[in-house]
C-alpha atoms as a PDB file:
ATOM      1  CA  UNK A   1       0.000   0.000   0.000  1.00  0.00           C
ATOM      2  CA  UNK A   2       2.825   2.430   0.721  1.00  0.00           C
ATOM      3  CA  UNK A   3       4.045   2.131  -2.893  1.00  0.00           C
ATOM      4  CA  UNK A   4       0.507   2.839  -4.070  1.00  0.00           C
ATOM      5  CA  UNK A   5       0.331   5.903  -1.826  1.00  0.00           C
ATOM      6  CA  UNK A   6       3.766   7.190  -2.887  1.00  0.00           C
ATOM      7  CA  UNK A   7       3.109   6.789  -6.611  1.00  0.00           C
ATOM      8  CA  UNK A   8      -0.598   7.644  -6.721  1.00  0.00           C
ATOM      9  CA  UNK A   9      -1.459   9.862  -9.696  1.00  0.00           C
ATOM     10  CA  UNK A  10      -3.853  11.859  -7.495  1.00  0.00           C
ATOM     11  CA  UNK A  11      -1.396  12.437  -4.631  1.00  0.00           C
ATOM     12  CA  UNK A  12      -0.760  15.995  -5.847  1.00  0.00           C
ATOM     13  CA  UNK A  13      -4.450  16.757  -5.225  1.00  0.00           C
ATOM     14  CA  UNK A  14      -4.248  15.780  -1.547  1.00  0.00           C
ATOM     15  CA  UNK A  15      -4.786  18.542   0.980  1.00  0.00           C
ATOM     16  CA  UNK A  16      -2.289  16.923   3.340  1.00  0.00           C
ATOM     17  CA  UNK A  17      -0.076  13.872   3.172  1.00  0.00           C
ATOM     18  CA  UNK A  18       0.950  12.098   6.350  1.00  0.00           C
ATOM     19  CA  UNK A  19       3.346   9.202   6.813  1.00  0.00           C
ATOM     20  CA  UNK A  20       2.163   5.847   8.096  1.00  0.00           C
ATOM     21  CA  UNK A  21       2.517   5.990  11.865  1.00  0.00           C
ATOM     22  CA  UNK A  22       1.640   3.524  14.616  1.00  0.00           C
ATOM     23  CA  UNK A  23      -1.632   4.513  16.296  1.00  0.00           C
ATOM     24  CA  UNK A  24      -2.783   2.882  19.564  1.00  0.00           C
ATOM     25  CA  UNK A  25      -6.103   1.021  19.347  1.00  0.00           C
ATOM     26  CA  UNK A  26      -7.845   3.373  21.811  1.00  0.00           C
ATOM     27  CA  UNK A  27      -6.913   6.328  19.605  1.00  0.00           C
ATOM     28  CA  UNK A  28      -8.207   4.492  16.511  1.00  0.00           C
ATOM     29  CA  UNK A  29     -11.566   3.871  18.212  1.00  0.00           C
ATOM     30  CA  UNK A  30     -11.780   7.503  19.261  1.00  0.00           C
ATOM     31  CA  UNK A  31     -10.961   8.824  15.787  1.00  0.00           C
ATOM     32  CA  UNK A  32     -13.442   6.457  14.163  1.00  0.00           C
ATOM     33  CA  UNK A  33     -16.193   7.485  16.582  1.00  0.00           C
ATOM     34  CA  UNK A  34     -15.916  11.060  15.319  1.00  0.00           C
ATOM     35  CA  UNK A  35     -17.535   9.901  12.065  1.00  0.00           C
ATOM     36  CA  UNK A  36     -20.534   8.429  13.886  1.00  0.00           C
ATOM     37  CA  UNK A  37     -22.022  11.038  16.228  1.00  0.00           C
ATOM     38  CA  UNK A  38     -24.633   9.912  18.742  1.00  0.00           C
ATOM     39  CA  UNK A  39     -28.367  10.610  18.493  1.00  0.00           C
ATOM     40  CA  UNK A  40     -28.600   9.929  14.767  1.00  0.00           C
ATOM     41  CA  UNK A  41     -30.409   7.233  12.863  1.00  0.00           C
ATOM     42  CA  UNK A  42     -28.271   5.428  10.300  1.00  0.00           C
ATOM     43  CA  UNK A  43     -28.993   3.831   6.941  1.00  0.00           C
ATOM     44  CA  UNK A  44     -26.054   1.951   5.451  1.00  0.00           C
ATOM     45  CA  UNK A  45     -25.118  -0.350   2.592  1.00  0.00           C
ATOM     46  CA  UNK A  46     -21.935  -1.350   0.754  1.00  0.00           C
ATOM     47  CA  UNK A  47     -20.316  -3.122  -2.152  1.00  0.00           C
ATOM     48  CA  UNK A  48     -17.049  -4.772  -3.067  1.00  0.00           C
ATOM     49  CA  UNK A  49     -15.937  -3.801  -6.569  1.00  0.00           C
ATOM     50  CA  UNK A  50     -13.077  -3.506  -9.033  1.00  0.00           C
ATOM     51  CA  UNK A  51     -15.005  -1.179 -11.348  1.00  0.00           C
ATOM     52  CA  UNK A  52     -13.531   1.898 -12.942  1.00  0.00           C
ATOM     53  CA  UNK A  53     -14.427   5.266 -11.379  1.00  0.00           C
ATOM     54  CA  UNK A  54     -16.447   6.333 -14.412  1.00  0.00           C
ATOM     55  CA  UNK A  55     -18.623   3.231 -14.009  1.00  0.00           C
ATOM     56  CA  UNK A  56     -19.339   4.050 -10.362  1.00  0.00           C
ATOM     57  CA  UNK A  57     -19.903   7.794 -10.735  1.00  0.00           C
ATOM     58  CA  UNK A  58     -23.613   7.703 -11.728  1.00  0.00           C
ATOM     59  CA  UNK A  59     -24.432   5.672  -8.606  1.00  0.00           C
ATOM     60  CA  UNK A  60     -22.209   7.864  -6.439  1.00  0.00           C
ATOM     61  CA  UNK A  61     -23.901  11.003  -7.815  1.00  0.00           C
ATOM     62  CA  UNK A  62     -27.307   9.500  -6.991  1.00  0.00           C
ATOM     63  CA  UNK A  63     -26.172   8.811  -3.429  1.00  0.00           C
ATOM     64  CA  UNK A  64     -24.793  12.323  -3.014  1.00  0.00           C
ATOM     65  CA  UNK A  65     -28.006  13.854  -4.359  1.00  0.00           C
ATOM     66  CA  UNK A  66     -30.394  11.773  -2.225  1.00  0.00           C
ATOM     67  CA  UNK A  67     -28.584  11.176   1.080  1.00  0.00           C
ATOM     68  CA  UNK A  68     -29.025  13.640   3.946  1.00  0.00           C
ATOM     69  CA  UNK A  69     -26.258  16.164   4.620  1.00  0.00           C
ATOM     70  CA  UNK A  70     -23.416  15.829   7.135  1.00  0.00           C
ATOM     71  CA  UNK A  71     -22.722  13.648   9.053  1.00  0.00           C
ATOM     72  CA  UNK A  72     -23.689  11.325   6.164  1.00  0.00           C
ATOM     73  CA  UNK A  73     -20.734  10.177   4.088  1.00  0.00           C
ATOM     74  CA  UNK A  74     -19.476   7.755   1.472  1.00  0.00           C
ATOM     75  CA  UNK A  75     -16.511   5.628   2.465  1.00  0.00           C
ATOM     76  CA  UNK A  76     -14.226   4.384  -0.320  1.00  0.00           C
ATOM     77  CA  UNK A  77     -11.271   2.171   0.547  1.00  0.00           C
ATOM     78  CA  UNK A  78      -8.527   0.569  -1.514  1.00  0.00           C
ATOM     79  CA  UNK A  79      -8.380  -3.074  -0.432  1.00  0.00           C
ATOM     80  CA  UNK A  80      -6.565  -5.070  -3.137  1.00  0.00           C
ATOM     81  CA  UNK A  81      -8.505  -8.195  -2.215  1.00  0.00           C
ATOM     82  CA  UNK A  82      -9.439  -9.574  -5.632  1.00  0.00           C
ATOM     83  CA  UNK A  83      -7.956 -12.977  -6.243  1.00  0.00           C
ATOM     84  CA  UNK A  84      -6.442 -13.347  -2.773  1.00  0.00           C
ATOM     85  CA  UNK A  85      -7.138 -16.674  -1.164  1.00  0.00           C
ATOM     86  CA  UNK A  86      -7.497 -16.585   2.592  1.00  0.00           C
ATOM     87  CA  UNK A  87      -7.539 -19.904   4.342  1.00  0.00           C
ATOM     88  CA  UNK A  88     -10.910 -20.588   5.938  1.00  0.00           C
ATOM     89  CA  UNK A  89     -12.095 -16.991   5.728  1.00  0.00           C
ATOM     90  CA  UNK A  90     -15.759 -17.191   6.717  1.00  0.00           C
ATOM     91  CA  UNK A  91     -17.064 -14.124   4.885  1.00  0.00           C
ATOM     92  CA  UNK A  92     -15.112 -14.871   1.760  1.00  0.00           C
ATOM     93  CA  UNK A  93     -15.950 -12.134  -0.730  1.00  0.00           C
ATOM     94  CA  UNK A  94     -13.438  -9.348  -1.254  1.00  0.00           C
ATOM     95  CA  UNK A  95     -12.338  -7.179  -4.154  1.00  0.00           C
ATOM     96  CA  UNK A  96      -9.996  -4.316  -4.963  1.00  0.00           C
ATOM     97  CA  UNK A  97     -12.214  -1.593  -3.529  1.00  0.00           C
ATOM     98  CA  UNK A  98     -14.733  -1.362  -0.711  1.00  0.00           C
ATOM     99  CA  UNK A  99     -17.393   1.342  -0.865  1.00  0.00           C
ATOM    100  CA  UNK A 100     -20.094   2.067   1.686  1.00  0.00           C
ATOM    101  CA  UNK A 101     -22.742   4.740   1.945  1.00  0.00           C
ATOM    102  CA  UNK A 102     -23.686   5.862   5.447  1.00  0.00           C
ATOM    103  CA  UNK A 103     -26.699   8.143   5.730  1.00  0.00           C
ATOM    104  CA  UNK A 104     -27.390   9.872   9.049  1.00  0.00           C
ATOM    105  CA  UNK A 105     -30.516  11.783  10.075  1.00  0.00           C
ATOM    106  CA  UNK A 106     -32.301  12.594  13.304  1.00  0.00           C
ATOM    107  CA  UNK A 107     -36.034  12.620  12.492  1.00  0.00           C
ATOM    108  CA  UNK A 108     -37.814   9.217  12.540  1.00  0.00           C
ATOM    109  CA  UNK A 109     -40.203  10.563   9.874  1.00  0.00           C
ATOM    110  CA  UNK A 110     -37.264  10.395   7.423  1.00  0.00           C
ATOM    111  CA  UNK A 111     -36.478   6.702   8.020  1.00  0.00           C
ATOM    112  CA  UNK A 112     -38.096   5.404   4.845  1.00  0.00           C
ATOM    113  CA  UNK A 113     -36.805   8.249   2.670  1.00  0.00           C
ATOM    114  CA  UNK A 114     -33.143   7.962   3.621  1.00  0.00           C
ATOM    115  CA  UNK A 115     -33.045   4.174   3.894  1.00  0.00           C
ATOM    116  CA  UNK A 116     -34.465   4.101   0.364  1.00  0.00           C
ATOM    117  CA  UNK A 117     -31.838   6.618  -0.816  1.00  0.00           C
ATOM    118  CA  UNK A 118     -28.978   4.371   0.293  1.00  0.00           C
ATOM    119  CA  UNK A 119     -30.595   1.161  -0.972  1.00  0.00           C
ATOM    120  CA  UNK A 120     -31.442   2.611  -4.392  1.00  0.00           C
ATOM    121  CA  UNK A 121     -27.979   4.114  -4.713  1.00  0.00           C
ATOM    122  CA  UNK A 122     -26.367   0.755  -4.068  1.00  0.00           C
ATOM    123  CA  UNK A 123     -28.778  -0.958  -6.475  1.00  0.00           C
ATOM    124  CA  UNK A 124     -27.463   1.374  -9.183  1.00  0.00           C
ATOM    125  CA  UNK A 125     -23.983   0.048  -8.389  1.00  0.00           C
ATOM    126  CA  UNK A 126     -24.944  -3.658  -8.363  1.00  0.00           C
ATOM    127  CA  UNK A 127     -23.810  -4.258 -11.968  1.00  0.00           C
ATOM    128  CA  UNK A 128     -20.281  -3.384 -10.797  1.00  0.00           C
ATOM    129  CA  UNK A 129     -20.426  -5.140  -7.422  1.00  0.00           C
ATOM    130  CA  UNK A 130     -18.909  -8.511  -6.658  1.00  0.00           C
ATOM    131  CA  UNK A 131     -20.594  -8.740  -3.267  1.00  0.00           C
ATOM    132  CA  UNK A 132     -20.922  -7.087   0.107  1.00  0.00           C
ATOM    133  CA  UNK A 133     -19.030  -6.952   3.375  1.00  0.00           C
ATOM    134  CA  UNK A 134     -20.911  -7.884   6.519  1.00  0.00           C
ATOM    135  CA  UNK A 135     -20.311  -4.588   8.257  1.00  0.00           C
ATOM    136  CA  UNK A 136     -22.101  -1.619   6.723  1.00  0.00           C
ATOM    137  CA  UNK A 137     -24.577  -3.739   4.769  1.00  0.00           C
ATOM    138  CA  UNK A 138     -28.352  -3.601   4.622  1.00  0.00           C
ATOM    139  CA  UNK A 139     -29.464  -7.157   3.956  1.00  0.00           C
ATOM    140  CA  UNK A 140     -32.980  -6.244   5.096  1.00  0.00           C
ATOM    141  CA  UNK A 141     -33.425  -4.200   1.918  1.00  0.00           C
ATOM    142  CA  UNK A 142     -30.830  -5.489  -0.580  1.00  0.00           C
ATOM    143  CA  UNK A 143     -29.536  -9.038  -0.655  1.00  0.00           C
ATOM    144  CA  UNK A 144     -25.942  -9.410  -1.754  1.00  0.00           C
ATOM    145  CA  UNK A 145     -23.330 -12.142  -1.847  1.00  0.00           C
ATOM    146  CA  UNK A 146     -20.927 -12.237   1.114  1.00  0.00           C
ATOM    147  CA  UNK A 147     -19.784 -15.863   0.900  1.00  0.00           C
ATOM    148  CA  UNK A 148     -17.967 -17.557  -1.955  1.00  0.00           C
ATOM    149  CA  UNK A 149     -19.875 -20.443  -3.527  1.00  0.00           C
ATOM    150  CA  UNK A 150     -17.319 -22.845  -2.051  1.00  0.00           C
ATOM    151  CA  UNK A 151     -17.823 -21.489   1.466  1.00  0.00           C
ATOM    152  CA  UNK A 152     -21.599 -21.372   1.114  1.00  0.00           C
ATOM    153  CA  UNK A 153     -21.527 -25.089   0.270  1.00  0.00           C
ATOM    154  CA  UNK A 154     -19.381 -25.704   3.385  1.00  0.00           C
ATOM    155  CA  UNK A 155     -21.861 -23.798   5.562  1.00  0.00           C
ATOM    156  CA  UNK A 156     -24.783 -25.727   4.073  1.00  0.00           C
ATOM    157  CA  UNK A 157     -23.000 -29.035   4.696  1.00  0.00           C
ATOM    158  CA  UNK A 158     -22.267 -28.102   8.330  1.00  0.00           C
ATOM    159  CA  UNK A 159     -25.874 -26.982   8.864  1.00  0.00           C
ATOM    160  CA  UNK A 160     -27.232 -30.188   7.330  1.00  0.00           C
ATOM    161  CA  UNK A 161     -24.941 -32.287   9.539  1.00  0.00           C
ATOM    162  CA  UNK A 162     -25.306 -30.465  12.853  1.00  0.00           C
ATOM    163  CA  UNK A 163     -28.693 -28.778  12.531  1.00  0.00           C
ATOM    164  CA  UNK A 164     -30.685 -31.118  10.308  1.00  0.00           C
ATOM    165  CA  UNK A 165     -33.948 -30.062  12.006  1.00  0.00           C
ATOM    166  CA  UNK A 166     -33.302 -26.370  11.348  1.00  0.00           C
ATOM    167  CA  UNK A 167     -33.366 -25.351  15.028  1.00  0.00           C
ATOM    168  CA  UNK A 168     -31.008 -22.441  14.349  1.00  0.00           C
ATOM    169  CA  UNK A 169     -32.232 -19.843  11.901  1.00  0.00           C
ATOM    170  CA  UNK A 170     -30.298 -19.119   8.755  1.00  0.00           C
ATOM    171  CA  UNK A 171     -29.451 -15.497   8.124  1.00  0.00           C
ATOM    172  CA  UNK A 172     -32.538 -13.588   7.092  1.00  0.00           C
ATOM    173  CA  UNK A 173     -31.152 -12.718   3.671  1.00  0.00           C
ATOM    174  CA  UNK A 174     -29.404 -15.688   2.120  1.00  0.00           C
ATOM    175  CA  UNK A 175     -26.609 -14.584  -0.234  1.00  0.00           C
ATOM    176  CA  UNK A 176     -27.193 -14.848  -3.944  1.00  0.00           C
ATOM    177  CA  UNK A 177     -24.470 -17.014  -5.456  1.00  0.00           C
END
């Protein structure tokens, strides 16, 4: 990642550039919490992708036009996960980029409106998505793959062996593989 950051063609557009420094976990939690102020309602969803920016821009524009203002935000992270094999990784879908939309509002009357904004925005990006990360997802409103086919078969085999009567509920939104 450091090579990517040093040679990035957009580095010259950065407002500031800081070196990679060790940061204690407590400080990381504190800094992250600044993005998620209390007393807000949140609507979230995400995708994994390796799409080109121009392919994603229409969906991103839709999100920006329909999501509520600050503290809502779109998170975009370089991950370089496509093609990596991780031994026994349970949630086994990754790609080169992770993108999530996080809408924040304070009036319960806006729940449907802003949840719909995030869900519809991510639906526009589905043609470029390879799945979702179980973190900022919204499986209640948009099903998305989070397990590889191989791992889904393993889970099904384990469930059939150890829970043949279906005592334990499956997730409410089975991934589409």
